[in-house]
Amino acid sequence: MNKIPVACQLWSLHKEWAVHPLEVLRFLKDAGYTGVEICGNSFSPAFTAALLRETGMACTGWHCAAEEFDASHFPATLEKALTVGARTLCIAWYGAKDLAGWKAFAALLNEASAKFAPWGIRVGYHSHAGDFKPVEGCLPWEVVAENTDDSVILQLDLGNTLSAGADPLTWLKKYPSRSVTVHCKPWCKEGGYDLLKGDDVPWKDVVDFCRSKGGTEWFIVEYEEGAELRSCIRKLHDIVMSCQ
């Protein structure tokens, strides 16, 4: 069974990325990463693509805002995805206030999925802790999952899920094959997201499931905590790879 490659969400180093993007990519490559997921619009797609070519890093996808899927923004969103070679576009966060809002959001994802599909681009949604807190008796993550086509990616964030008191492995198993990309973020009860204070993520079980039944194509490390940021980013890459 082939190993799943590990990428880094560039938000992890967003302050450095905004000033020294080439150096950031070189650091990540040296740390063992083979790809990155882009967040925001710090640089033009053409410049970003040039940086990726220079370092030989793949683009696993781009985190977008919901409005970037609107009809008026569709051409620009499509162009940037094609320019950098992003095969996934995931909405980084959403905050509907009621159940109707979450169902409308699911409809938006379905519509976007159909629009981007002819170019081989998949769309999805990235989880936060609030997605596992009830809204009118329903969990937003479940509402999105149950009201979207199987083509829509459910990008589960392991740390965010744990922080909400939910079990990430349970949710990965509930929607197998929709975890095309999985965010590998640590979390523990004692220290939150700070890897130096502990880590409650069941890495081996998660990795085994993703490799066997999850349909996972990329693990994506996202980490932005503490003074030893770079060393922890290195360590997280090694943790995920050692479980394969």
Foldseek 3Di string as FASTA:
>chain_A
DDAFAAEAECVQVVVCCLPPVLVVLQLCVVLPHQAYEYEDPSDQLQVVLVSCVVNNHAYQAYADALCCLDPVNVVVVLVSCVSNVHQEYEHEDDDDQALVRLLVSLVSQQVSQVVCVVVNHAYEYEDALQQQPDHVRDRSLVSSVVNHDLSYAYAYECLRQVVNVHHPLVVLVVNALRNQEYEDFFQDPVPGRDVVRHGDRPQLSVSVCCVPTRVYNYYYYRHHDDDPSSVVSSVSSVSNRVSD
